[in-house]
């Protein structure tokens, strides 16, 4: 084989590899948009139940945040605000995850039963939330990218804790394993949901700048937190798809 022929074959091989990489990227992006579409369909169909299940606790959380905001000095507000989130967020998020799992099996449990199960999970869920929050904030302080990586790779911990009974540390470790090879897909899904919500929150603060009327502040915070629940629906859909893949697929990716 002549030198020019070897160059030509190498060029064709590189060309195929390049297009294979582009195709894989498009496949992952299209997969992410399919997940978003399916999640939006589910969210719309079950909106009434999700409102009934989660919105009261979301409003309680917003009211508590306002009380803390007005009763605390500026230096202590952030830490106490996180504590308030740890008190309420695990309850409605765990209840939502249990509801999502039940609906995938064609079941329709009562709201009180879901909240009772969520209350039993609260200690472990609150610890997991605290660990995730601490690590992500630490990562964000280190030039942002480590925090973004942690936000993606720890995204499945809540579902592993609620649905598989893992402890907080075990759930975090398994989430790191499950997300391996799926980073881009998870990141695209999170950004497609949270990006518009961050923009909406910024626009809302421009229309109603601080200091806000307490009632308006509660309405804004409640609405923003409730819309963020769509992220949990999207990540649940991703979790179900990825956890069903065989282990050998994870080794090949």
Protein backbone atom coordinates (compact mmCIF):
# COMPACT_ATOMS: atom_id res chain seq x y z
CA UNK A 1 0.00 0.00 0.00
CA UNK A 2 1.40 3.38 -0.98
CA UNK A 3 1.79 6.28 1.42
CA UNK A 4 -0.94 8.29 -0.33
CA UNK A 5 -3.37 5.38 -0.05
CA UNK A 6 -2.70 5.10 3.67
CA UNK A 7 -3.37 8.83 4.01
CA UNK A 8 -6.61 8.51 2.09
CA UNK A 9 -7.83 5.61 4.24
CA UNK A 10 -6.88 7.43 7.42
CA UNK A 11 -8.76 10.49 6.25
CA UNK A 12 -11.88 8.43 5.55
CA UNK A 13 -11.60 6.74 8.94
CA UNK A 14 -11.20 10.08 10.70
CA UNK A 15 -14.17 11.40 8.76
CA UNK A 16 -16.34 8.48 9.88
CA UNK A 17 -15.21 8.89 13.48
CA UNK A 18 -15.99 12.60 13.33
CA UNK A 19 -19.49 12.03 12.04
CA UNK A 20 -20.01 9.20 14.54
CA UNK A 21 -19.16 11.66 17.33
CA UNK A 22 -21.53 14.27 15.90
CA UNK A 23 -24.28 11.67 15.57
CA UNK A 24 -23.76 10.52 19.17
CA UNK A 25 -24.00 14.14 20.36
CA UNK A 26 -27.20 14.71 18.39
CA UNK A 27 -28.60 11.41 19.72
CA UNK A 28 -27.95 12.44 23.32
CA UNK A 29 -29.50 15.88 22.78
CA UNK A 30 -32.55 14.44 21.02
CA UNK A 31 -32.91 11.93 23.83
CA UNK A 32 -32.88 14.78 26.35
CA UNK A 33 -35.59 16.66 24.46
CA UNK A 34 -37.70 13.49 24.29
CA UNK A 35 -37.40 13.23 28.08
CA UNK A 36 -38.48 16.86 28.45
CA UNK A 37 -41.46 16.34 26.17
CA UNK A 38 -42.63 13.20 28.01
CA UNK A 39 -42.14 14.89 31.39
CA UNK A 40 -44.13 17.95 30.34
CA UNK A 41 -46.97 15.70 29.16
CA UNK A 42 -46.99 13.89 32.52
CA UNK A 43 -46.78 17.14 34.49
CA UNK A 44 -49.75 18.63 32.64
CA UNK A 45 -51.89 15.51 33.01
CA UNK A 46 -51.20 15.21 36.74
CA UNK A 47 -51.02 18.91 37.57
CA UNK A 48 -54.07 18.83 39.84
CA UNK A 49 -52.68 16.04 42.02
CA UNK A 50 -49.23 17.63 42.15
CA UNK A 51 -50.76 20.95 43.24
CA UNK A 52 -52.81 19.21 45.93
CA UNK A 53 -49.80 17.22 47.14
CA UNK A 54 -46.99 19.79 47.06
CA UNK A 55 -48.30 23.35 46.85
CA UNK A 56 -49.47 23.64 50.50
CA UNK A 57 -46.01 22.67 51.75
CA UNK A 58 -44.35 24.94 49.19
CA UNK A 59 -46.41 27.86 50.52
CA UNK A 60 -45.52 26.94 54.11
CA UNK A 61 -41.85 26.96 53.13
CA UNK A 62 -42.21 30.39 51.48
CA UNK A 63 -44.00 31.81 54.54
CA UNK A 64 -41.30 30.47 56.87
CA UNK A 65 -38.62 31.98 54.66
CA UNK A 66 -40.34 35.36 54.88
CA UNK A 67 -40.58 35.10 58.66
CA UNK A 68 -36.89 34.26 58.85
CA UNK A 69 -36.06 37.07 56.44
CA UNK A 70 -37.77 39.69 58.59
CA UNK A 71 -36.72 38.28 61.98
CA UNK A 72 -33.04 37.58 61.32
CA UNK A 73 -30.10 39.85 60.81
CA UNK A 74 -28.57 39.82 57.30
CA UNK A 75 -25.49 37.87 58.42
CA UNK A 76 -27.50 34.97 59.85
CA UNK A 77 -30.21 34.79 57.23
CA UNK A 78 -28.51 32.48 54.75
CA UNK A 79 -27.75 29.72 57.25
CA UNK A 80 -31.23 29.84 58.82
CA UNK A 81 -32.79 29.93 55.35
CA UNK A 82 -31.03 26.67 54.48
CA UNK A 83 -32.33 25.11 57.70
CA UNK A 84 -35.89 26.12 56.81
CA UNK A 85 -35.42 24.48 53.42
CA UNK A 86 -34.20 21.29 55.10
CA UNK A 87 -37.35 21.21 57.23
CA UNK A 88 -39.88 21.40 54.39
CA UNK A 89 -38.19 20.57 51.06
CA UNK A 90 -37.59 16.86 51.87
CA UNK A 91 -41.27 16.37 52.71
CA UNK A 92 -42.84 17.59 49.48
CA UNK A 93 -40.03 16.30 47.27
CA UNK A 94 -40.14 12.79 48.74
CA UNK A 95 -43.94 12.81 48.44
CA UNK A 96 -43.66 13.86 44.79
CA UNK A 97 -41.14 11.10 44.03
CA UNK A 98 -43.41 8.52 45.66
CA UNK A 99 -46.33 9.85 43.62
CA UNK A 100 -44.34 9.67 40.37
CA UNK A 101 -43.35 6.08 41.12
CA UNK A 102 -46.93 5.12 41.95
CA UNK A 103 -48.31 6.68 38.75
CA UNK A 104 -45.79 4.75 36.62
CA UNK A 105 -47.29 1.57 38.10
CA UNK A 106 -50.84 2.75 37.44
CA UNK A 107 -51.59 3.43 41.10
CA UNK A 108 -53.17 6.54 42.62
CA UNK A 109 -52.37 6.68 46.37
CA UNK A 110 -54.01 9.13 48.74
CA UNK A 111 -52.24 12.38 49.53
CA UNK A 112 -52.15 11.63 53.26
CA UNK A 113 -50.50 8.27 52.62
CA UNK A 114 -47.80 9.84 50.47
CA UNK A 115 -47.12 12.53 53.06
CA UNK A 116 -46.97 9.92 55.83
CA UNK A 117 -44.37 7.91 53.90
CA UNK A 118 -42.44 11.11 53.13
CA UNK A 119 -42.40 11.99 56.84
CA UNK A 120 -40.82 8.62 57.65
CA UNK A 121 -38.12 9.31 55.05
CA UNK A 122 -37.48 12.86 56.28
CA UNK A 123 -34.39 12.24 58.49
CA UNK A 124 -32.41 10.47 55.75
CA UNK A 125 -33.69 12.78 53.02
CA UNK A 126 -32.80 15.90 55.02
CA UNK A 127 -29.29 14.57 55.63
CA UNK A 128 -28.87 13.81 51.92
CA UNK A 129 -30.12 17.30 51.01
CA UNK A 130 -27.73 18.89 53.48
CA UNK A 131 -24.75 16.94 52.11
CA UNK A 132 -25.67 17.69 48.50
CA UNK A 133 -26.17 21.38 49.23
CA UNK A 134 -22.87 21.65 51.08
CA UNK A 135 -20.90 19.91 48.33
CA UNK A 136 -22.55 21.86 45.49
CA UNK A 137 -22.03 25.22 47.21
CA UNK A 138 -18.41 24.28 47.89
CA UNK A 139 -18.00 23.26 44.26
CA UNK A 140 -19.59 26.47 42.99
CA UNK A 141 -17.12 28.46 45.07
CA UNK A 142 -14.28 26.66 43.26
CA UNK A 143 -14.64 28.39 39.88
CA UNK A 144 -18.26 27.19 39.36
CA UNK A 145 -17.55 24.10 37.19
CA UNK A 146 -17.00 21.64 40.08
CA UNK A 147 -20.35 22.70 41.51
CA UNK A 148 -22.06 22.17 38.15
CA UNK A 149 -20.48 18.72 37.86
CA UNK A 150 -21.67 17.79 41.35
CA UNK A 151 -25.17 19.10 40.67
CA UNK A 152 -25.42 16.74 37.68
CA UNK A 153 -23.72 13.66 39.11
CA UNK A 154 -25.64 13.78 42.41
CA UNK A 155 -29.00 14.34 40.70
CA UNK A 156 -30.25 10.76 41.20
CA UNK A 157 -29.47 10.50 44.92
CA UNK A 158 -32.98 11.51 46.03
CA UNK A 159 -34.63 8.83 43.86
CA UNK A 160 -32.24 6.13 45.07
CA UNK A 161 -32.93 7.07 48.69
CA UNK A 162 -36.72 7.18 48.32
CA UNK A 163 -37.32 4.33 45.88
CA UNK A 164 -34.51 1.90 46.72
CA UNK A 165 -34.06 2.59 50.40
CA UNK A 166 -30.40 3.63 50.18
CA UNK A 167 -28.72 5.60 52.91
CA UNK A 168 -27.53 9.14 52.07
CA UNK A 169 -23.90 8.25 51.38
CA UNK A 170 -24.80 5.09 49.48
CA UNK A 171 -27.31 7.05 47.39
CA UNK A 172 -24.68 9.66 46.51
CA UNK A 173 -22.18 6.99 45.52
CA UNK A 174 -24.70 5.14 43.36
CA UNK A 175 -25.81 8.40 41.74
CA UNK A 176 -22.21 9.04 40.70
CA UNK A 177 -22.13 5.59 39.10
CA UNK A 178 -25.48 5.90 37.35
CA UNK A 179 -24.70 9.32 35.88
CA UNK A 180 -21.43 8.09 34.36
CA UNK A 181 -21.67 8.43 30.60
CA UNK A 182 -24.90 10.46 30.77
CA UNK A 183 -23.52 13.80 31.97
CA UNK A 184 -24.49 15.77 28.86
CA UNK A 185 -28.02 14.43 28.74
CA UNK A 186 -28.65 15.22 32.42
CA UNK A 187 -27.06 18.66 32.11
CA UNK A 188 -29.16 19.59 29.07
CA UNK A 189 -32.35 18.53 30.85
CA UNK A 190 -31.52 20.52 33.99
CA UNK A 191 -30.53 23.65 32.08
CA UNK A 192 -33.59 23.49 29.81
CA UNK A 193 -35.81 23.60 32.89
CA UNK A 194 -33.84 25.78 35.28
CA UNK A 195 -32.56 28.28 32.70
CA UNK A 196 -36.00 29.72 31.91
CA UNK A 197 -36.93 29.63 35.61
CA UNK A 198 -33.81 31.60 36.58
CA UNK A 199 -34.62 34.10 33.85
CA UNK A 200 -38.23 34.35 35.02
CA UNK A 201 -37.10 34.90 38.61
CA UNK A 202 -34.74 37.66 37.50
CA UNK A 203 -37.47 39.40 35.51
CA UNK A 204 -39.86 39.10 38.44
CA UNK A 205 -37.36 40.74 40.77
CA UNK A 206 -36.99 43.60 38.30
CA UNK A 207 -40.75 44.15 38.26
CA UNK A 208 -41.06 43.74 42.07
CA UNK A 209 -37.67 44.82 43.48
CA UNK A 210 -36.71 44.53 47.12
CA UNK A 211 -38.11 45.40 49.58
CA UNK A 212 -41.21 43.52 48.51
CA UNK A 213 -44.66 43.33 50.02
CA UNK A 214 -44.62 40.13 52.15
CA UNK A 215 -47.68 38.72 50.39
CA UNK A 216 -46.18 39.33 46.94
CA UNK A 217 -42.88 37.84 48.11
CA UNK A 218 -44.66 34.67 49.30
CA UNK A 219 -46.53 34.37 46.00
CA UNK A 220 -43.34 34.80 43.97
CA UNK A 221 -41.33 32.34 46.05
CA UNK A 222 -44.16 29.80 46.08
CA UNK A 223 -44.65 30.01 42.33
CA UNK A 224 -40.92 29.70 41.63
CA UNK A 225 -40.49 26.74 43.99
CA UNK A 226 -43.54 24.97 42.59
CA UNK A 227 -42.34 25.35 39.00
CA UNK A 228 -38.99 23.90 40.04
CA UNK A 229 -40.84 20.67 40.84
CA UNK A 230 -40.90 20.06 37.10
CA UNK A 231 -37.16 19.42 37.42
CA UNK A 232 -37.94 16.51 39.75
CA UNK A 233 -40.33 15.07 37.15
CA UNK A 234 -37.69 15.35 34.42
CA UNK A 235 -34.96 13.80 36.55
CA UNK A 236 -37.31 11.00 37.60
CA UNK A 237 -37.91 10.18 33.94
CA UNK A 238 -34.16 10.18 33.30
CA UNK A 239 -33.55 8.04 36.38
CA UNK A 240 -36.03 5.44 35.22
CA UNK A 241 -34.52 5.30 31.73
CA UNK A 242 -30.88 5.15 32.84
CA UNK A 243 -31.39 2.72 35.73
CA UNK A 244 -33.00 0.25 33.31
CA UNK A 245 -29.88 0.11 31.13
CA UNK A 246 -27.71 -3.00 31.61
CA UNK A 247 -24.42 -2.59 33.41
CA UNK A 248 -22.42 -3.45 30.31
CA UNK A 249 -23.85 -0.33 28.65
CA UNK A 250 -22.28 1.77 31.39
CA UNK A 251 -18.90 0.19 30.73
CA UNK A 252 -19.11 0.87 27.00
CA UNK A 253 -20.09 4.52 27.25
